[in-house]
Amino acid sequence: MFRHTAGNTRQLVLTATGGGQVFSAGYDTIDQTQRRTITETVNGTSHIFGETALGTTQVTDNGARASYTRDPDGTPITQNRHRCPPPSHRRLPRQRPRFDRQQR
């Protein structure tokens, strides 16, 4: 059974089932005409869509992000894929501070 929640302007902001939240929408404007994010979960996979007035600017699927650059008309002109390793793999090796000695 689905439970839908609408905001003050009757825009869908949340859908949930007995198993938890499956959809949410965030808006940038008080009248909810400009979406900021849409989050959905399908078969255990999380999708997050970031949007501006020009259109979708980033998509995140289970932590893997793709970002899009758009021209002023909203046409996508570049796409960048970002794959982040788990936090335990992002550590940088410890380095000792390096001091340059001035010679006199």
PDB file of N, CA and C in Angstrom:
ATOM      1  N   MET A   1       0.838  -1.175   0.000  1.00  0.00           N
ATOM      2  CA  MET A   1       0.000   0.000   0.000  1.00  0.00           C
ATOM      3  C   MET A   1       0.889   1.247   0.000  1.00  0.00           C
ATOM      4  N   PHE A   2       0.605   2.169  -0.875  1.00  0.00           N
ATOM      5  CA  PHE A   2       1.363   3.407  -0.974  1.00  0.00           C
ATOM      6  C   PHE A   2       0.670   4.517  -0.197  1.00  0.00           C
ATOM      7  N   ARG A   3       1.492   5.367   0.410  1.00  0.00           N
ATOM      8  CA  ARG A   3       0.971   6.556   1.084  1.00  0.00           C
ATOM      9  C   ARG A   3       1.644   7.754   0.427  1.00  0.00           C
ATOM     10  N   HIS A   4       0.856   8.660  -0.141  1.00  0.00           N
ATOM     11  CA  HIS A   4       1.368   9.841  -0.838  1.00  0.00           C
ATOM     12  C   HIS A   4       1.127  11.080   0.020  1.00  0.00           C
ATOM     13  N   THR A   5       2.101  11.980   0.020  1.00  0.00           N
ATOM     14  CA  THR A   5       1.980  13.234   0.750  1.00  0.00           C
ATOM     15  C   THR A   5       2.212  14.374  -0.218  1.00  0.00           C
ATOM     16  N   ALA A   6       1.332  15.356  -0.170  1.00  0.00           N
ATOM     17  CA  ALA A   6       1.454  16.532  -1.031  1.00  0.00           C
ATOM     18  C   ALA A   6       1.803  17.747  -0.181  1.00  0.00           C
ATOM     19  N   GLY A   7       2.476  18.715  -0.813  1.00  0.00           N
ATOM     20  CA  GLY A   7       2.827  19.952  -0.134  1.00  0.00           C
ATOM     21  C   GLY A   7       1.668  20.947  -0.179  1.00  0.00           C
ATOM     22  N   ASN A   8       1.936  22.180   0.268  1.00  0.00           N
ATOM     23  CA  ASN A   8       0.905  23.221   0.316  1.00  0.00           C
ATOM     24  C   ASN A   8       0.312  23.543  -1.043  1.00  0.00           C
ATOM     25  N   THR A   9       1.095  23.352  -2.105  1.00  0.00           N
ATOM     26  CA  THR A   9       0.607  23.675  -3.450  1.00  0.00           C
ATOM     27  C   THR A   9       0.132  22.423  -4.188  1.00  0.00           C
ATOM     28  N   ARG A  10      -0.096  21.359  -3.437  1.00  0.00           N
ATOM     29  CA  ARG A  10      -0.589  20.090  -3.959  1.00  0.00           C
ATOM     30  C   ARG A  10       0.406  19.365  -4.868  1.00  0.00           C
ATOM     31  N   GLN A  11       1.687  19.682  -4.712  1.00  0.00           N
ATOM     32  CA  GLN A  11       2.745  18.965  -5.418  1.00  0.00           C
ATOM     33  C   GLN A  11       3.122  17.744  -4.588  1.00  0.00           C
ATOM     34  N   LEU A  12       3.384  16.625  -5.249  1.00  0.00           N
ATOM     35  CA  LEU A  12       3.809  15.419  -4.557  1.00  0.00           C
ATOM     36  C   LEU A  12       5.186  15.640  -3.934  1.00  0.00           C
ATOM     37  N   VAL A  13       5.313  15.410  -2.636  1.00  0.00           N
ATOM     38  CA  VAL A  13       6.605  15.571  -1.964  1.00  0.00           C
ATOM     39  C   VAL A  13       7.118  14.282  -1.346  1.00  0.00           C
ATOM     40  N   LEU A  14       6.267  13.278  -1.155  1.00  0.00           N
ATOM     41  CA  LEU A  14       6.703  12.050  -0.501  1.00  0.00           C
ATOM     42  C   LEU A  14       5.779  10.901  -0.861  1.00  0.00           C
ATOM     43  N   THR A  15       6.372   9.743  -1.132  1.00  0.00           N
ATOM     44  CA  THR A  15       5.619   8.504  -1.300  1.00  0.00           C
ATOM     45  C   THR A  15       6.305   7.452  -0.444  1.00  0.00           C
ATOM     46  N   ALA A  16       5.514   6.726   0.318  1.00  0.00           N
ATOM     47  CA  ALA A  16       6.069   5.691   1.191  1.00  0.00           C
ATOM     48  C   ALA A  16       5.217   4.435   1.087  1.00  0.00           C
ATOM     49  N   THR A  17       5.854   3.317   1.386  1.00  0.00           N
ATOM     50  CA  THR A  17       5.154   2.038   1.479  1.00  0.00           C
ATOM     51  C   THR A  17       5.398   1.509   2.887  1.00  0.00           C
ATOM     52  N   GLY A  18       4.888   0.340   3.164  1.00  0.00           N
ATOM     53  CA  GLY A  18       5.142  -0.267   4.462  1.00  0.00           C
ATOM     54  C   GLY A  18       6.624  -0.492   4.686  1.00  0.00           C
ATOM     55  N   GLY A  19       7.391  -0.627   3.604  1.00  0.00           N
ATOM     56  CA  GLY A  19       8.828  -0.861   3.699  1.00  0.00           C
ATOM     57  C   GLY A  19       9.650   0.403   3.819  1.00  0.00           C
ATOM     58  N   GLY A  20       9.040   1.564   3.717  1.00  0.00           N
ATOM     59  CA  GLY A  20       9.777   2.825   3.855  1.00  0.00           C
ATOM     60  C   GLY A  20       9.534   3.779   2.702  1.00  0.00           C
ATOM     61  N   GLN A  21      10.282   4.843   2.711  1.00  0.00           N
ATOM     62  CA  GLN A  21      10.141   5.896   1.706  1.00  0.00           C
ATOM     63  C   GLN A  21      10.667   5.432   0.353  1.00  0.00           C
ATOM     64  N   VAL A  22       9.908   5.664  -0.720  1.00  0.00           N
ATOM     65  CA  VAL A  22      10.354   5.291  -2.063  1.00  0.00           C
ATOM     66  C   VAL A  22      10.511   6.499  -2.983  1.00  0.00           C
ATOM     67  N   PHE A  23       9.993   7.663  -2.588  1.00  0.00           N
ATOM     68  CA  PHE A  23      10.075   8.863  -3.419  1.00  0.00           C
ATOM     69  C   PHE A  23      10.010  10.088  -2.525  1.00  0.00           C
ATOM     70  N   SER A  24      10.843  11.092  -2.852  1.00  0.00           N
ATOM     71  CA  SER A  24      10.716  12.400  -2.207  1.00  0.00           C
ATOM     72  C   SER A  24      11.143  13.463  -3.197  1.00  0.00           C
ATOM     73  N   ALA A  25      10.582  14.639  -3.050  1.00  0.00           N
ATOM     74  CA  ALA A  25      10.921  15.765  -3.920  1.00  0.00           C
ATOM     75  C   ALA A  25      11.161  16.991  -3.054  1.00  0.00           C
ATOM     76  N   GLY A  26      12.219  17.742  -3.377  1.00  0.00           N
ATOM     77  CA  GLY A  26      12.513  18.997  -2.704  1.00  0.00           C
ATOM     78  C   GLY A  26      12.420  20.125  -3.715  1.00  0.00           C
ATOM     79  N   TYR A  27      11.990  21.286  -3.255  1.00  0.00           N
ATOM     80  CA  TYR A  27      11.757  22.410  -4.157  1.00  0.00           C
ATOM     81  C   TYR A  27      12.576  23.614  -3.731  1.00  0.00           C
ATOM     82  N   ASP A  28      12.990  24.435  -4.711  1.00  0.00           N
ATOM     83  CA  ASP A  28      13.754  25.655  -4.446  1.00  0.00           C
ATOM     84  C   ASP A  28      12.875  26.865  -4.187  1.00  0.00           C
ATOM     85  N   THR A  29      11.651  26.825  -4.659  1.00  0.00           N
ATOM     86  CA  THR A  29      10.789  28.003  -4.561  1.00  0.00           C
ATOM     87  C   THR A  29       9.637  27.744  -3.604  1.00  0.00           C
ATOM     88  N   ILE A  30       9.153  28.794  -2.989  1.00  0.00           N
ATOM     89  CA  ILE A  30       8.086  28.658  -2.003  1.00  0.00           C
ATOM     90  C   ILE A  30       6.787  28.148  -2.638  1.00  0.00           C
ATOM     91  N   ASP A  31       6.575  28.451  -3.926  1.00  0.00           N
ATOM     92  CA  ASP A  31       5.358  27.975  -4.599  1.00  0.00           C
ATOM     93  C   ASP A  31       5.557  26.592  -5.221  1.00  0.00           C
ATOM     94  N   GLN A  32       6.712  25.987  -4.963  1.00  0.00           N
ATOM     95  CA  GLN A  32       7.050  24.633  -5.410  1.00  0.00           C
ATOM     96  C   GLN A  32       6.966  24.460  -6.929  1.00  0.00           C
ATOM     97  N   THR A  33       7.367  25.492  -7.669  1.00  0.00           N
ATOM     98  CA  THR A  33       7.368  25.377  -9.124  1.00  0.00           C
ATOM     99  C   THR A  33       8.725  24.948  -9.666  1.00  0.00           C
ATOM    100  N   GLN A  34       9.785  25.080  -8.863  1.00  0.00           N
ATOM    101  CA  GLN A  34      11.123  24.699  -9.312  1.00  0.00           C
ATOM    102  C   GLN A  34      11.669  23.590  -8.421  1.00  0.00           C
ATOM    103  N   ARG A  35      11.791  22.376  -8.999  1.00  0.00           N
ATOM    104  CA  ARG A  35      12.334  21.256  -8.234  1.00  0.00           C
ATOM    105  C   ARG A  35      13.824  21.445  -7.980  1.00  0.00           C
ATOM    106  N   ARG A  36      14.283  21.011  -6.809  1.00  0.00           N
ATOM    107  CA  ARG A  36      15.701  21.000  -6.476  1.00  0.00           C
ATOM    108  C   ARG A  36      16.243  19.579  -6.547  1.00  0.00           C
ATOM    109  N   THR A  37      15.541  18.643  -5.914  1.00  0.00           N
ATOM    110  CA  THR A  37      15.970  17.249  -5.941  1.00  0.00           C
ATOM    111  C   THR A  37      14.771  16.309  -6.017  1.00  0.00           C
ATOM    112  N   ILE A  38      15.009  15.188  -6.643  1.00  0.00           N
ATOM    113  CA  ILE A  38      14.055  14.085  -6.617  1.00  0.00           C
ATOM    114  C   ILE A  38      14.861  12.863  -6.182  1.00  0.00           C
ATOM    115  N   THR A  39      14.368  12.179  -5.188  1.00  0.00           N
ATOM    116  CA  THR A  39      15.026  10.969  -4.695  1.00  0.00           C
ATOM    117  C   THR A  39      14.046   9.817  -4.823  1.00  0.00           C
ATOM    118  N   GLU A  40      14.503   8.724  -5.423  1.00  0.00           N
ATOM    119  CA  GLU A  40      13.651   7.543  -5.532  1.00  0.00           C
ATOM    120  C   GLU A  40      14.471   6.305  -5.216  1.00  0.00           C
ATOM    121  N   THR A  41      13.799   5.303  -4.727  1.00  0.00           N
ATOM    122  CA  THR A  41      14.438   4.020  -4.446  1.00  0.00           C
ATOM    123  C   THR A  41      13.656   2.951  -5.185  1.00  0.00           C
ATOM    124  N   VAL A  42      14.334   2.229  -6.075  1.00  0.00           N
ATOM    125  CA  VAL A  42      13.708   1.182  -6.875  1.00  0.00           C
ATOM    126  C   VAL A  42      14.500  -0.104  -6.675  1.00  0.00           C
ATOM    127  N   ASN A  43      13.843  -1.129  -6.177  1.00  0.00           N
ATOM    128  CA  ASN A  43      14.487  -2.430  -5.947  1.00  0.00           C
ATOM    129  C   ASN A  43      15.803  -2.297  -5.188  1.00  0.00           C
ATOM    130  N   GLY A  44      15.828  -1.434  -4.187  1.00  0.00           N
ATOM    131  CA  GLY A  44      17.019  -1.264  -3.365  1.00  0.00           C
ATOM    132  C   GLY A  44      18.058  -0.319  -3.928  1.00  0.00           C
ATOM    133  N   THR A  45      17.851   0.206  -5.134  1.00  0.00           N
ATOM    134  CA  THR A  45      18.792   1.137  -5.741  1.00  0.00           C
ATOM    135  C   THR A  45      18.288   2.565  -5.553  1.00  0.00           C
ATOM    136  N   SER A  46      19.145   3.413  -5.013  1.00  0.00           N
ATOM    137  CA  SER A  46      18.796   4.806  -4.767  1.00  0.00           C
ATOM    138  C   SER A  46      19.209   5.667  -5.954  1.00  0.00           C
ATOM    139  N   HIS A  47      18.294   6.520  -6.411  1.00  0.00           N
ATOM    140  CA  HIS A  47      18.552   7.472  -7.501  1.00  0.00           C
ATOM    141  C   HIS A  47      18.238   8.867  -6.964  1.00  0.00           C
ATOM    142  N   ILE A  48      19.184   9.791  -7.136  1.00  0.00           N
ATOM    143  CA  ILE A  48      18.955  11.175  -6.727  1.00  0.00           C
ATOM    144  C   ILE A  48      19.212  12.064  -7.940  1.00  0.00           C
ATOM    145  N   PHE A  49      18.220  12.861  -8.287  1.00  0.00           N
ATOM    146  CA  PHE A  49      18.313  13.760  -9.427  1.00  0.00           C
ATOM    147  C   PHE A  49      18.370  15.187  -8.903  1.00  0.00           C
ATOM    148  N   GLY A  50      19.459  15.918  -9.229  1.00  0.00           N
ATOM    149  CA  GLY A  50      19.584  17.325  -8.875  1.00  0.00           C
ATOM    150  C   GLY A  50      19.170  18.171 -10.065  1.00  0.00           C
ATOM    151  N   GLU A  51      18.362  19.182  -9.809  1.00  0.00           N
ATOM    152  CA  GLU A  51      17.823  19.983 -10.912  1.00  0.00           C
ATOM    153  C   GLU A  51      17.949  21.472 -10.656  1.00  0.00           C
ATOM    154  N   THR A  52      17.986  22.224 -11.754  1.00  0.00           N
ATOM    155  CA  THR A  52      17.901  23.679 -11.726  1.00  0.00           C
ATOM    156  C   THR A  52      16.836  24.079 -12.750  1.00  0.00           C
ATOM    157  N   ALA A  53      16.673  25.369 -12.955  1.00  0.00           N
ATOM    158  CA  ALA A  53      15.701  25.832 -13.950  1.00  0.00           C
ATOM    159  C   ALA A  53      16.071  25.373 -15.355  1.00  0.00           C
ATOM    160  N   LEU A  54      17.351  25.053 -15.599  1.00  0.00           N
ATOM    161  CA  LEU A  54      17.784  24.601 -16.919  1.00  0.00           C
ATOM    162  C   LEU A  54      17.553  23.116 -17.144  1.00  0.00           C
ATOM    163  N   GLY A  55      17.337  22.357 -16.078  1.00  0.00           N
ATOM    164  CA  GLY A  55      17.124  20.916 -16.208  1.00  0.00           C
ATOM    165  C   GLY A  55      17.979  20.145 -15.229  1.00  0.00           C
ATOM    166  N   THR A  56      18.092  18.841 -15.435  1.00  0.00           N
ATOM    167  CA  THR A  56      18.870  17.976 -14.546  1.00  0.00           C
ATOM    168  C   THR A  56      20.350  18.333 -14.628  1.00  0.00           C
ATOM    169  N   THR A  57      20.976  18.516 -13.466  1.00  0.00           N
ATOM    170  CA  THR A  57      22.396  18.861 -13.430  1.00  0.00           C
ATOM    171  C   THR A  57      23.252  17.767 -12.819  1.00  0.00           C
ATOM    172  N   GLN A  58      22.640  16.846 -12.081  1.00  0.00           N
ATOM    173  CA  GLN A  58      23.403  15.702 -11.589  1.00  0.00           C
ATOM    174  C   GLN A  58      22.467  14.551 -11.266  1.00  0.00           C
ATOM    175  N   VAL A  59      23.015  13.345 -11.418  1.00  0.00           N
ATOM    176  CA  VAL A  59      22.301  12.114 -11.101  1.00  0.00           C
ATOM    177  C   VAL A  59      23.242  11.268 -10.258  1.00  0.00           C
ATOM    178  N   THR A  60      22.745  10.767  -9.138  1.00  0.00           N
ATOM    179  CA  THR A  60      23.537   9.895  -8.269  1.00  0.00           C
ATOM    180  C   THR A  60      22.820   8.564  -8.142  1.00  0.00           C
ATOM    181  N   ASP A  61      23.496   7.489  -8.519  1.00  0.00           N
ATOM    182  CA  ASP A  61      22.955   6.131  -8.401  1.00  0.00           C
ATOM    183  C   ASP A  61      23.812   5.358  -7.416  1.00  0.00           C
ATOM    184  N   ASN A  62      23.262   5.086  -6.238  1.00  0.00           N
ATOM    185  CA  ASN A  62      23.986   4.357  -5.192  1.00  0.00           C
ATOM    186  C   ASN A  62      25.384   4.916  -4.946  1.00  0.00           C
ATOM    187  N   GLY A  63      25.512   6.236  -4.914  1.00  0.00           N
ATOM    188  CA  GLY A  63      26.780   6.876  -4.610  1.00  0.00           C
ATOM    189  C   GLY A  63      27.638   7.242  -5.809  1.00  0.00           C
ATOM    190  N   ALA A  64      27.359   6.687  -6.989  1.00  0.00           N
ATOM    191  CA  ALA A  64      28.110   7.045  -8.201  1.00  0.00           C
ATOM    192  C   ALA A  64      27.411   8.243  -8.845  1.00  0.00           C
ATOM    193  N   ARG A  65      28.128   9.339  -8.998  1.00  0.00           N
ATOM    194  CA  ARG A  65      27.521  10.577  -9.455  1.00  0.00           C
ATOM    195  C   ARG A  65      27.939  10.927 -10.871  1.00  0.00           C
ATOM    196  N   ALA A  66      26.993  11.434 -11.632  1.00  0.00           N
ATOM    197  CA  ALA A  66      27.266  12.013 -12.948  1.00  0.00           C
ATOM    198  C   ALA A  66      26.736  13.445 -12.911  1.00  0.00           C
ATOM    199  N   SER A  67      27.548  14.397 -13.363  1.00  0.00           N
ATOM    200  CA  SER A  67      27.104  15.789 -13.389  1.00  0.00           C
ATOM    201  C   SER A  67      27.083  16.293 -14.825  1.00  0.00           C
ATOM    202  N   TYR A  68      26.205  17.236 -15.071  1.00  0.00           N
ATOM    203  CA  TYR A  68      25.985  17.758 -16.418  1.00  0.00           C
ATOM    204  C   TYR A  68      26.120  19.267 -16.412  1.00  0.00           C
ATOM    205  N   THR A  69      26.782  19.793 -17.430  1.00  0.00           N
ATOM    206  CA  THR A  69      26.861  21.229 -17.641  1.00  0.00           C
ATOM    207  C   THR A  69      25.928  21.554 -18.791  1.00  0.00           C
ATOM    208  N   ARG A  70      25.167  22.621 -18.638  1.00  0.00           N
ATOM    209  CA  ARG A  70      24.186  22.992 -19.661  1.00  0.00           C
ATOM    210  C   ARG A  70      24.457  24.405 -20.170  1.00  0.00           C
ATOM    211  N   ASP A  71      24.102  24.639 -21.443  1.00  0.00           N
ATOM    212  CA  ASP A  71      24.211  25.996 -21.965  1.00  0.00           C
ATOM    213  C   ASP A  71      22.990  26.793 -21.495  1.00  0.00           C
ATOM    214  N   PRO A  72      22.932  28.102 -21.756  1.00  0.00           N
ATOM    215  CA  PRO A  72      21.817  28.918 -21.270  1.00  0.00           C
ATOM    216  C   PRO A  72      20.438  28.476 -21.774  1.00  0.00           C
ATOM    217  N   ASP A  73      20.392  27.720 -22.857  1.00  0.00           N
ATOM    218  CA  ASP A  73      19.112  27.217 -23.353  1.00  0.00           C
ATOM    219  C   ASP A  73      18.709  25.917 -22.675  1.00  0.00           C
ATOM    220  N   GLY A  74      19.601  25.348 -21.845  1.00  0.00           N
ATOM    221  CA  GLY A  74      19.293  24.107 -21.145  1.00  0.00           C
ATOM    222  C   GLY A  74      19.810  22.858 -21.825  1.00  0.00           C
ATOM    223  N   THR A  75      20.474  23.002 -22.960  1.00  0.00           N
ATOM    224  CA  THR A  75      21.010  21.852 -23.682  1.00  0.00           C
ATOM    225  C   THR A  75      22.264  21.333 -22.993  1.00  0.00           C
ATOM    226  N   PRO A  76      22.320  20.018 -22.662  1.00  0.00           N
ATOM    227  CA  PRO A  76      23.541  19.486 -22.035  1.00  0.00           C
ATOM    228  C   PRO A  76      24.742  19.629 -22.978  1.00  0.00           C
ATOM    229  N   ILE A  77      25.880  20.102 -22.424  1.00  0.00           N
ATOM    230  CA  ILE A  77      27.068  20.241 -23.263  1.00  0.00           C
ATOM    231  C   ILE A  77      28.229  19.388 -22.758  1.00  0.00           C
ATOM    232  N   THR A  78      28.246  19.025 -21.472  1.00  0.00           N
ATOM    233  CA  THR A  78      29.268  18.107 -20.966  1.00  0.00           C
ATOM    234  C   THR A  78      28.660  17.176 -19.926  1.00  0.00           C
ATOM    235  N   GLN A  79      29.310  16.034 -19.760  1.00  0.00           N
ATOM    236  CA  GLN A  79      28.919  15.078 -18.726  1.00  0.00           C
ATOM    237  C   GLN A  79      30.184  14.570 -18.051  1.00  0.00           C
ATOM    238  N   ASN A  80      30.187  14.550 -16.745  1.00  0.00           N
ATOM    239  CA  ASN A  80      31.315  14.035 -15.973  1.00  0.00           C
ATOM    240  C   ASN A  80      30.803  12.942 -15.053  1.00  0.00           C
ATOM    241  N   ARG A  81      31.507  11.811 -15.059  1.00  0.00           N
ATOM    242  CA  ARG A  81      31.146  10.726 -14.143  1.00  0.00           C
ATOM    243  C   ARG A  81      32.162  10.695 -13.013  1.00  0.00           C
ATOM    244  N   HIS A  82      31.645  10.608 -11.799  1.00  0.00           N
ATOM    245  CA  HIS A  82      32.484  10.595 -10.610  1.00  0.00           C
ATOM    246  C   HIS A  82      32.227   9.286  -9.878  1.00  0.00           C
ATOM    247  N   ARG A  83      33.231   8.476  -9.749  1.00  0.00           N
ATOM    248  CA  ARG A  83      33.103   7.235  -8.973  1.00  0.00           C
ATOM    249  C   ARG A  83      33.952   7.393  -7.730  1.00  0.00           C
ATOM    250  N   CYS A  84      33.312   7.430  -6.610  1.00  0.00           N
ATOM    251  CA  CYS A  84      34.027   7.590  -5.353  1.00  0.00           C
ATOM    252  C   CYS A  84      34.206   6.238  -4.688  1.00  0.00           C
ATOM    253  N   PRO A  85      35.425   5.887  -4.328  1.00  0.00           N
ATOM    254  CA  PRO A  85      35.614   4.646  -3.586  1.00  0.00           C
ATOM    255  C   PRO A  85      35.034   4.797  -2.189  1.00  0.00           C
ATOM    256  N   PRO A  86      34.820   3.680  -1.490  1.00  0.00           N
ATOM    257  CA  PRO A  86      34.320   3.768  -0.113  1.00  0.00           C
ATOM    258  C   PRO A  86      35.248   4.642   0.729  1.00  0.00           C
ATOM    259  N   PRO A  87      34.717   5.278   1.787  1.00  0.00           N
ATOM    260  CA  PRO A  87      35.537   6.183   2.600  1.00  0.00           C
ATOM    261  C   PRO A  87      36.832   5.560   3.097  1.00  0.00           C
ATOM    262  N   SER A  88      36.858   4.268   3.396  1.00  0.00           N
ATOM    263  CA  SER A  88      38.080   3.654   3.914  1.00  0.00           C
ATOM    264  C   SER A  88      39.187   3.631   2.869  1.00  0.00           C
ATOM    265  N   HIS A  89      38.850   3.782   1.599  1.00  0.00           N
ATOM    266  CA  HIS A  89      39.847   3.761   0.532  1.00  0.00           C
ATOM    267  C   HIS A  89      40.275   5.167   0.105  1.00  0.00           C
ATOM    268  N   ARG A  90      39.659   6.199   0.674  1.00  0.00           N
ATOM    269  CA  ARG A  90      39.962   7.568   0.280  1.00  0.00           C
ATOM    270  C   ARG A  90      41.062   8.196   1.118  1.00  0.00           C
ATOM    271  N   ARG A  91      41.569   7.492   2.078  1.00  0.00           N
ATOM    272  CA  ARG A  91      42.590   8.070   2.944  1.00  0.00           C
ATOM    273  C   ARG A  91      43.883   8.310   2.177  1.00  0.00           C
ATOM    274  N   LEU A  92      44.448   9.449   2.415  1.00  0.00           N
ATOM    275  CA  LEU A  92      45.734   9.767   1.810  1.00  0.00           C
ATOM    276  C   LEU A  92      46.833   9.272   2.723  1.00  0.00           C
ATOM    277  N   PRO A  93      47.975   8.881   2.159  1.00  0.00           N
ATOM    278  CA  PRO A  93      49.068   8.436   3.024  1.00  0.00           C
ATOM    279  C   PRO A  93      49.552   9.587   3.894  1.00  0.00           C
ATOM    280  N   ARG A  94      49.955   9.257   5.090  1.00  0.00           N
ATOM    281  CA  ARG A  94      50.468  10.291   5.994  1.00  0.00           C
ATOM    282  C   ARG A  94      51.802  10.780   5.467  1.00  0.00           C
ATOM    283  N   GLN A  95      51.951  12.063   5.442  1.00  0.00           N
ATOM    284  CA  GLN A  95      53.200  12.640   4.977  1.00  0.00           C
ATOM    285  C   GLN A  95      53.767  13.533   6.072  1.00  0.00           C
ATOM    286  N   ARG A  96      55.074  13.508   6.174  1.00  0.00           N
ATOM    287  CA  ARG A  96      55.722  14.379   7.141  1.00  0.00           C
ATOM    288  C   ARG A  96      55.809  15.775   6.554  1.00  0.00           C
ATOM    289  N   PRO A  97      55.666  16.782   7.391  1.00  0.00           N
ATOM    290  CA  PRO A  97      55.793  18.141   6.869  1.00  0.00           C
ATOM    291  C   PRO A  97      57.181  18.373   6.289  1.00  0.00           C
ATOM    292  N   ARG A  98      57.231  19.110   5.234  1.00  0.00           N
ATOM    293  CA  ARG A  98      58.506  19.391   4.579  1.00  0.00           C
ATOM    294  C   ARG A  98      58.848  20.856   4.817  1.00  0.00           C
ATOM    295  N   PHE A  99      60.032  21.059   5.348  1.00  0.00           N
ATOM    296  CA  PHE A  99      60.468  22.414   5.623  1.00  0.00           C
ATOM    297  C   PHE A  99      61.664  22.725   4.737  1.00  0.00           C
ATOM    298  N   ASP A 100      61.616  23.842   4.093  1.00  0.00           N
ATOM    299  CA  ASP A 100      62.747  24.281   3.287  1.00  0.00           C
ATOM    300  C   ASP A 100      63.659  25.109   4.188  1.00  0.00           C
ATOM    301  N   ARG A 101      64.891  24.708   4.250  1.00  0.00           N
ATOM    302  CA  ARG A 101      65.848  25.436   5.080  1.00  0.00           C
ATOM    303  C   ARG A 101      66.519  26.511   4.249  1.00  0.00           C
ATOM    304  N   GLN A 102      66.586  27.667   4.834  1.00  0.00           N
ATOM    305  CA  GLN A 102      67.279  28.757   4.155  1.00  0.00           C
ATOM    306  C   GLN A 102      68.772  28.642   4.418  1.00  0.00           C
ATOM    307  N   GLN A 103      69.525  28.793   3.366  1.00  0.00           N
ATOM    308  CA  GLN A 103      70.984  28.744   3.517  1.00  0.00           C
ATOM    309  C   GLN A 103      71.507  30.168   3.699  1.00  0.00           C
ATOM    310  N   ARG A 104      72.471  30.321   4.615  1.00  0.00           N
ATOM    311  CA  ARG A 104      73.051  31.638   4.865  1.00  0.00           C
ATOM    312  C   ARG A 104      74.472  31.663   4.449  1.00  0.00           C
TER     313      ARG A 104
END
